[in-house]
Amino acid sequence: MPHGTGTILFDGGERYSGSFSGSIIHGRGTYCFANGEIFTGIFENGRMSEGTYYFINGDRYTGHFFNGRKQGHGAYYYANGYSYIGSWDDDARNGYGEMYYEGNIVKRGTWKNGRLKIK
């Protein structure tokens, strides 16, 4: 399969600029969604793999993805000054992580399905 770079404009207003393997989005690139959200980073076989996702509400997530969902280690920065750095599974905080507010730790521990487990 030939490799290269370029830009695709999709029906509905979405756009991708970056690397391809044949006709598949693969490698480093930027995908702009119709709702204004943006992902920039690495794609594997047409799917987000690792990078930064910018949400229209001002939040952003930097880390790993699997099947389009947050997975593995990542950092989520909320527009309100909070951030979470730690483990993710299937788009939810799962495993050890730390919640910060304006750089100060406010919670730390093991998370399950997005909630801090209370001992």
N, C-alpha and C. Protein backbone atom coordinates (compact mmCIF):
# COMPACT_ATOMS: atom_id res chain seq x y z
N MET A 1 0.84 -1.18 0.00
CA MET A 1 0.00 0.00 0.00
C MET A 1 0.88 1.24 0.00
N PRO A 2 0.56 2.21 -0.81
CA PRO A 2 1.34 3.44 -0.81
C PRO A 2 1.07 4.27 0.44
N HIS A 3 2.08 4.99 0.87
CA HIS A 3 1.98 5.88 2.02
C HIS A 3 2.06 7.30 1.52
N GLY A 4 1.46 8.22 2.26
CA GLY A 4 1.54 9.61 1.87
C GLY A 4 0.82 10.49 2.87
N THR A 5 0.72 11.76 2.52
CA THR A 5 0.01 12.72 3.34
C THR A 5 -0.96 13.50 2.46
N GLY A 6 -1.95 14.08 3.09
CA GLY A 6 -2.92 14.86 2.34
C GLY A 6 -4.06 15.29 3.23
N THR A 7 -5.10 15.81 2.58
CA THR A 7 -6.29 16.29 3.28
C THR A 7 -7.52 15.70 2.63
N ILE A 8 -8.48 15.28 3.48
CA ILE A 8 -9.76 14.79 2.99
C ILE A 8 -10.85 15.66 3.61
N LEU A 9 -11.78 16.11 2.78
CA LEU A 9 -12.97 16.81 3.26
C LEU A 9 -14.12 15.84 3.16
N PHE A 10 -14.78 15.56 4.28
CA PHE A 10 -15.88 14.60 4.33
C PHE A 10 -17.22 15.32 4.22
N ASP A 11 -18.23 14.60 3.76
CA ASP A 11 -19.59 15.12 3.80
C ASP A 11 -19.93 15.42 5.25
N GLY A 12 -20.65 16.48 5.48
CA GLY A 12 -21.03 16.84 6.85
C GLY A 12 -20.07 17.81 7.49
N GLY A 13 -18.99 18.19 6.80
CA GLY A 13 -18.10 19.22 7.31
C GLY A 13 -16.88 18.74 8.07
N GLU A 14 -16.66 17.43 8.17
CA GLU A 14 -15.46 16.94 8.86
C GLU A 14 -14.27 16.98 7.91
N ARG A 15 -13.06 17.07 8.51
CA ARG A 15 -11.84 17.20 7.71
C ARG A 15 -10.69 16.48 8.40
N TYR A 16 -9.88 15.81 7.60
CA TYR A 16 -8.67 15.17 8.11
C TYR A 16 -7.48 15.66 7.29
N SER A 17 -6.40 15.99 7.99
CA SER A 17 -5.13 16.34 7.34
C SER A 17 -4.04 15.53 8.00
N GLY A 18 -3.27 14.80 7.20
CA GLY A 18 -2.18 14.04 7.78
C GLY A 18 -1.78 12.86 6.94
N SER A 19 -1.30 11.81 7.60
CA SER A 19 -0.72 10.65 6.94
C SER A 19 -1.77 9.59 6.61
N PHE A 20 -1.46 8.82 5.55
CA PHE A 20 -2.30 7.72 5.11
C PHE A 20 -1.44 6.51 4.82
N SER A 21 -2.06 5.35 4.91
CA SER A 21 -1.48 4.12 4.39
C SER A 21 -2.50 3.59 3.40
N GLY A 22 -2.23 3.76 2.14
CA GLY A 22 -3.24 3.48 1.13
C GLY A 22 -4.36 4.47 1.29
N SER A 23 -5.58 4.00 1.43
CA SER A 23 -6.72 4.89 1.60
C SER A 23 -7.15 5.00 3.06
N ILE A 24 -6.34 4.47 3.98
CA ILE A 24 -6.69 4.46 5.40
C ILE A 24 -5.91 5.53 6.15
N ILE A 25 -6.60 6.27 7.02
CA ILE A 25 -5.95 7.25 7.90
C ILE A 25 -5.02 6.47 8.82
N HIS A 26 -3.73 6.79 8.75
CA HIS A 26 -2.74 6.04 9.53
C HIS A 26 -1.49 6.88 9.69
N GLY A 27 -1.07 7.07 10.94
CA GLY A 27 0.10 7.91 11.22
C GLY A 27 -0.33 9.19 11.89
N ARG A 28 0.50 10.21 11.81
CA ARG A 28 0.25 11.49 12.48
C ARG A 28 -0.70 12.33 11.65
N GLY A 29 -1.70 12.93 12.35
CA GLY A 29 -2.64 13.78 11.63
C GLY A 29 -3.56 14.53 12.57
N THR A 30 -4.45 15.32 11.97
CA THR A 30 -5.44 16.11 12.70
C THR A 30 -6.80 15.88 12.08
N TYR A 31 -7.77 15.56 12.94
CA TYR A 31 -9.14 15.33 12.49
C TYR A 31 -10.02 16.39 13.12
N CYS A 32 -10.73 17.14 12.30
CA CYS A 32 -11.66 18.18 12.77
C CYS A 32 -13.08 17.67 12.59
N PHE A 33 -13.80 17.52 13.69
CA PHE A 33 -15.16 17.00 13.67
C PHE A 33 -16.15 18.12 13.33
N ALA A 34 -17.31 17.75 12.83
CA ALA A 34 -18.34 18.71 12.43
C ALA A 34 -18.81 19.58 13.59
N ASN A 35 -18.77 19.05 14.81
CA ASN A 35 -19.23 19.81 15.98
C ASN A 35 -18.17 20.78 16.52
N GLY A 36 -16.99 20.83 15.89
CA GLY A 36 -15.93 21.75 16.30
C GLY A 36 -14.85 21.13 17.16
N GLU A 37 -15.04 19.88 17.58
CA GLU A 37 -14.01 19.21 18.36
C GLU A 37 -12.88 18.75 17.43
N ILE A 38 -11.67 18.64 18.01
CA ILE A 38 -10.47 18.34 17.20
C ILE A 38 -9.64 17.29 17.92
N PHE A 39 -9.14 16.34 17.14
CA PHE A 39 -8.14 15.39 17.64
C PHE A 39 -6.88 15.57 16.82
N THR A 40 -5.76 15.68 17.50
CA THR A 40 -4.48 15.74 16.81
C THR A 40 -3.54 14.74 17.47
N GLY A 41 -2.92 13.91 16.65
CA GLY A 41 -2.04 12.89 17.20
C GLY A 41 -1.82 11.76 16.22
N ILE A 42 -1.78 10.55 16.75
CA ILE A 42 -1.46 9.37 15.94
C ILE A 42 -2.72 8.53 15.74
N PHE A 43 -2.91 8.12 14.50
CA PHE A 43 -4.00 7.22 14.12
C PHE A 43 -3.41 5.88 13.73
N GLU A 44 -4.10 4.81 14.10
CA GLU A 44 -3.72 3.47 13.67
C GLU A 44 -4.92 2.84 12.99
N ASN A 45 -4.75 2.51 11.71
CA ASN A 45 -5.81 1.88 10.93
C ASN A 45 -7.14 2.62 11.02
N GLY A 46 -7.09 3.94 10.88
CA GLY A 46 -8.30 4.76 10.85
C GLY A 46 -8.87 5.16 12.19
N ARG A 47 -8.21 4.79 13.29
CA ARG A 47 -8.73 5.10 14.63
C ARG A 47 -7.71 5.91 15.43
N MET A 48 -8.23 6.77 16.30
CA MET A 48 -7.36 7.53 17.20
C MET A 48 -6.60 6.56 18.08
N SER A 49 -5.29 6.79 18.23
CA SER A 49 -4.46 5.90 19.05
C SER A 49 -3.84 6.64 20.23
N GLU A 50 -3.24 7.78 19.96
CA GLU A 50 -2.57 8.54 21.02
C GLU A 50 -2.47 9.99 20.57
N GLY A 51 -2.84 10.92 21.47
CA GLY A 51 -2.75 12.33 21.13
C GLY A 51 -3.61 13.16 22.04
N THR A 52 -4.05 14.32 21.52
CA THR A 52 -4.86 15.25 22.30
C THR A 52 -6.19 15.50 21.60
N TYR A 53 -7.25 15.37 22.39
CA TYR A 53 -8.61 15.62 21.91
C TYR A 53 -9.09 16.90 22.58
N TYR A 54 -9.50 17.87 21.76
CA TYR A 54 -9.99 19.17 22.25
C TYR A 54 -11.51 19.20 22.14
N PHE A 55 -12.19 19.38 23.27
CA PHE A 55 -13.65 19.43 23.31
C PHE A 55 -14.12 20.86 23.13
N ILE A 56 -15.32 21.04 22.61
CA ILE A 56 -15.83 22.39 22.35
C ILE A 56 -16.11 23.17 23.63
N ASN A 57 -16.25 22.48 24.77
CA ASN A 57 -16.50 23.18 26.03
C ASN A 57 -15.22 23.68 26.69
N GLY A 58 -14.06 23.49 26.04
CA GLY A 58 -12.78 23.96 26.58
C GLY A 58 -11.98 22.89 27.28
N ASP A 59 -12.55 21.71 27.54
CA ASP A 59 -11.82 20.59 28.12
C ASP A 59 -10.88 20.00 27.08
N ARG A 60 -9.87 19.26 27.54
CA ARG A 60 -9.00 18.52 26.62
C ARG A 60 -8.47 17.27 27.31
N TYR A 61 -8.25 16.25 26.51
CA TYR A 61 -7.69 14.98 27.00
C TYR A 61 -6.44 14.68 26.20
N THR A 62 -5.36 14.33 26.90
CA THR A 62 -4.12 13.93 26.26
C THR A 62 -3.77 12.54 26.76
N GLY A 63 -3.66 11.60 25.83
CA GLY A 63 -3.33 10.24 26.24
C GLY A 63 -3.65 9.23 25.17
N HIS A 64 -3.93 8.02 25.62
CA HIS A 64 -4.16 6.89 24.73
C HIS A 64 -5.65 6.66 24.49
N PHE A 65 -5.95 6.05 23.35
CA PHE A 65 -7.32 5.71 22.96
C PHE A 65 -7.33 4.27 22.46
N PHE A 66 -8.49 3.64 22.59
CA PHE A 66 -8.73 2.34 21.97
C PHE A 66 -10.18 2.34 21.50
N ASN A 67 -10.39 2.06 20.23
CA ASN A 67 -11.73 2.10 19.64
C ASN A 67 -12.44 3.43 19.90
N GLY A 68 -11.68 4.53 19.82
CA GLY A 68 -12.25 5.86 19.98
C GLY A 68 -12.56 6.28 21.40
N ARG A 69 -12.13 5.49 22.38
CA ARG A 69 -12.43 5.79 23.78
C ARG A 69 -11.12 5.92 24.57
N LYS A 70 -11.15 6.74 25.63
CA LYS A 70 -9.97 6.92 26.46
C LYS A 70 -9.60 5.59 27.10
N GLN A 71 -8.31 5.23 27.01
CA GLN A 71 -7.85 3.92 27.46
C GLN A 71 -6.38 4.01 27.86
N GLY A 72 -6.01 3.39 29.00
CA GLY A 72 -4.61 3.43 29.43
C GLY A 72 -4.33 4.68 30.23
N HIS A 73 -3.13 5.21 30.11
CA HIS A 73 -2.75 6.40 30.87
C HIS A 73 -3.12 7.65 30.09
N GLY A 74 -3.64 8.64 30.82
CA GLY A 74 -3.98 9.90 30.17
C GLY A 74 -4.23 11.00 31.17
N ALA A 75 -4.34 12.21 30.65
CA ALA A 75 -4.61 13.39 31.48
C ALA A 75 -5.78 14.15 30.88
N TYR A 76 -6.76 14.44 31.73
CA TYR A 76 -7.94 15.19 31.30
C TYR A 76 -7.90 16.54 32.00
N TYR A 77 -7.94 17.60 31.21
CA TYR A 77 -7.89 18.97 31.75
C TYR A 77 -9.25 19.62 31.54
N TYR A 78 -9.93 19.91 32.63
CA TYR A 78 -11.25 20.52 32.58
C TYR A 78 -11.11 22.04 32.47
N ALA A 79 -12.03 22.66 31.77
CA ALA A 79 -12.00 24.10 31.58
C ALA A 79 -12.16 24.86 32.90
N ASN A 80 -12.72 24.21 33.93
CA ASN A 80 -12.95 24.88 35.21
C ASN A 80 -11.74 24.88 36.15
N GLY A 81 -10.57 24.40 35.67
CA GLY A 81 -9.36 24.41 36.49
C GLY A 81 -8.99 23.08 37.10
N TYR A 82 -9.89 22.10 37.06
CA TYR A 82 -9.59 20.76 37.56
C TYR A 82 -8.86 19.96 36.48
N SER A 83 -8.14 18.94 36.92
CA SER A 83 -7.52 18.00 35.98
C SER A 83 -7.43 16.64 36.67
N TYR A 84 -7.41 15.61 35.85
CA TYR A 84 -7.24 14.23 36.33
C TYR A 84 -6.11 13.61 35.54
N ILE A 85 -5.14 13.04 36.23
CA ILE A 85 -4.03 12.35 35.59
C ILE A 85 -3.97 10.95 36.15
N GLY A 86 -4.09 9.97 35.27
CA GLY A 86 -4.07 8.59 35.75
C GLY A 86 -4.58 7.61 34.72
N SER A 87 -5.13 6.52 35.22
CA SER A 87 -5.56 5.39 34.38
C SER A 87 -7.00 5.57 33.90
N TRP A 88 -7.22 5.10 32.67
CA TRP A 88 -8.53 5.14 32.04
C TRP A 88 -8.85 3.75 31.50
N ASP A 89 -10.14 3.43 31.49
CA ASP A 89 -10.59 2.20 30.86
C ASP A 89 -11.99 2.45 30.30
N ASP A 90 -12.14 2.24 29.01
CA ASP A 90 -13.44 2.38 28.35
C ASP A 90 -14.07 3.74 28.63
N ASP A 91 -13.28 4.81 28.49
CA ASP A 91 -13.71 6.21 28.59
C ASP A 91 -13.97 6.69 30.02
N ALA A 92 -13.66 5.89 31.04
CA ALA A 92 -13.90 6.29 32.43
C ALA A 92 -12.60 6.20 33.24
N ARG A 93 -12.51 7.02 34.29
CA ARG A 93 -11.37 6.92 35.20
C ARG A 93 -11.44 5.56 35.88
N ASN A 94 -10.42 4.74 35.69
CA ASN A 94 -10.35 3.40 36.28
C ASN A 94 -8.91 3.09 36.61
N GLY A 95 -8.63 2.74 37.86
CA GLY A 95 -7.28 2.49 38.30
C GLY A 95 -6.78 3.68 39.10
N TYR A 96 -5.46 3.72 39.33
CA TYR A 96 -4.91 4.79 40.16
C TYR A 96 -4.89 6.10 39.37
N GLY A 97 -5.24 7.18 40.08
CA GLY A 97 -5.20 8.50 39.48
C GLY A 97 -5.24 9.59 40.51
N GLU A 98 -4.95 10.79 40.06
CA GLU A 98 -4.94 11.96 40.94
C GLU A 98 -5.75 13.09 40.31
N MET A 99 -6.59 13.72 41.12
CA MET A 99 -7.39 14.86 40.70
C MET A 99 -6.74 16.12 41.27
N TYR A 100 -6.58 17.11 40.43
CA TYR A 100 -5.95 18.37 40.81
C TYR A 100 -6.93 19.52 40.60
N TYR A 101 -6.73 20.57 41.38
CA TYR A 101 -7.41 21.83 41.12
C TYR A 101 -6.34 22.91 41.09
N GLU A 102 -6.21 23.54 39.96
CA GLU A 102 -5.22 24.59 39.73
C GLU A 102 -3.84 24.17 40.23
N GLY A 103 -3.46 22.92 39.92
CA GLY A 103 -2.13 22.41 40.22
C GLY A 103 -1.95 21.74 41.57
N ASN A 104 -2.95 21.80 42.44
CA ASN A 104 -2.85 21.18 43.77
C ASN A 104 -3.68 19.90 43.82
N ILE A 105 -3.11 18.85 44.39
CA ILE A 105 -3.84 17.58 44.49
C ILE A 105 -5.02 17.74 45.44
N VAL A 106 -6.21 17.34 45.00
CA VAL A 106 -7.39 17.38 45.85
C VAL A 106 -7.94 15.98 46.14
N LYS A 107 -7.63 15.02 45.27
CA LYS A 107 -8.04 13.62 45.48
C LYS A 107 -7.00 12.73 44.84
N ARG A 108 -6.76 11.58 45.46
CA ARG A 108 -5.89 10.58 44.84
C ARG A 108 -6.32 9.22 45.33
N GLY A 109 -6.11 8.23 44.50
CA GLY A 109 -6.47 6.88 44.89
C GLY A 109 -6.90 6.06 43.71
N THR A 110 -7.64 5.01 44.00
CA THR A 110 -8.10 4.08 42.98
C THR A 110 -9.52 4.46 42.56
N TRP A 111 -9.72 4.57 41.26
CA TRP A 111 -11.00 4.96 40.68
C TRP A 111 -11.65 3.74 40.04
N LYS A 112 -12.96 3.71 40.06
CA LYS A 112 -13.73 2.64 39.43
C LYS A 112 -14.93 3.27 38.74
N ASN A 113 -15.02 3.05 37.43
CA ASN A 113 -16.13 3.60 36.64
C ASN A 113 -16.32 5.10 36.83
N GLY A 114 -15.20 5.82 36.92
CA GLY A 114 -15.24 7.28 37.02
C GLY A 114 -15.37 7.84 38.42
N ARG A 115 -15.47 6.99 39.44
CA ARG A 115 -15.61 7.46 40.82
C ARG A 115 -14.48 6.97 41.70
N LEU A 116 -14.07 7.81 42.62
CA LEU A 116 -13.03 7.44 43.56
C LEU A 116 -13.59 6.41 44.53
N LYS A 117 -12.87 5.28 44.66
CA LYS A 117 -13.33 4.23 45.57
C LYS A 117 -13.05 4.66 47.00
N ILE A 118 -14.07 4.58 47.85
CA ILE A 118 -13.95 4.92 49.26
C ILE A 118 -13.66 3.63 50.02
N LYS A 119 -12.67 3.66 50.88
CA LYS A 119 -12.28 2.46 51.63
C LYS A 119 -13.15 2.24 52.83
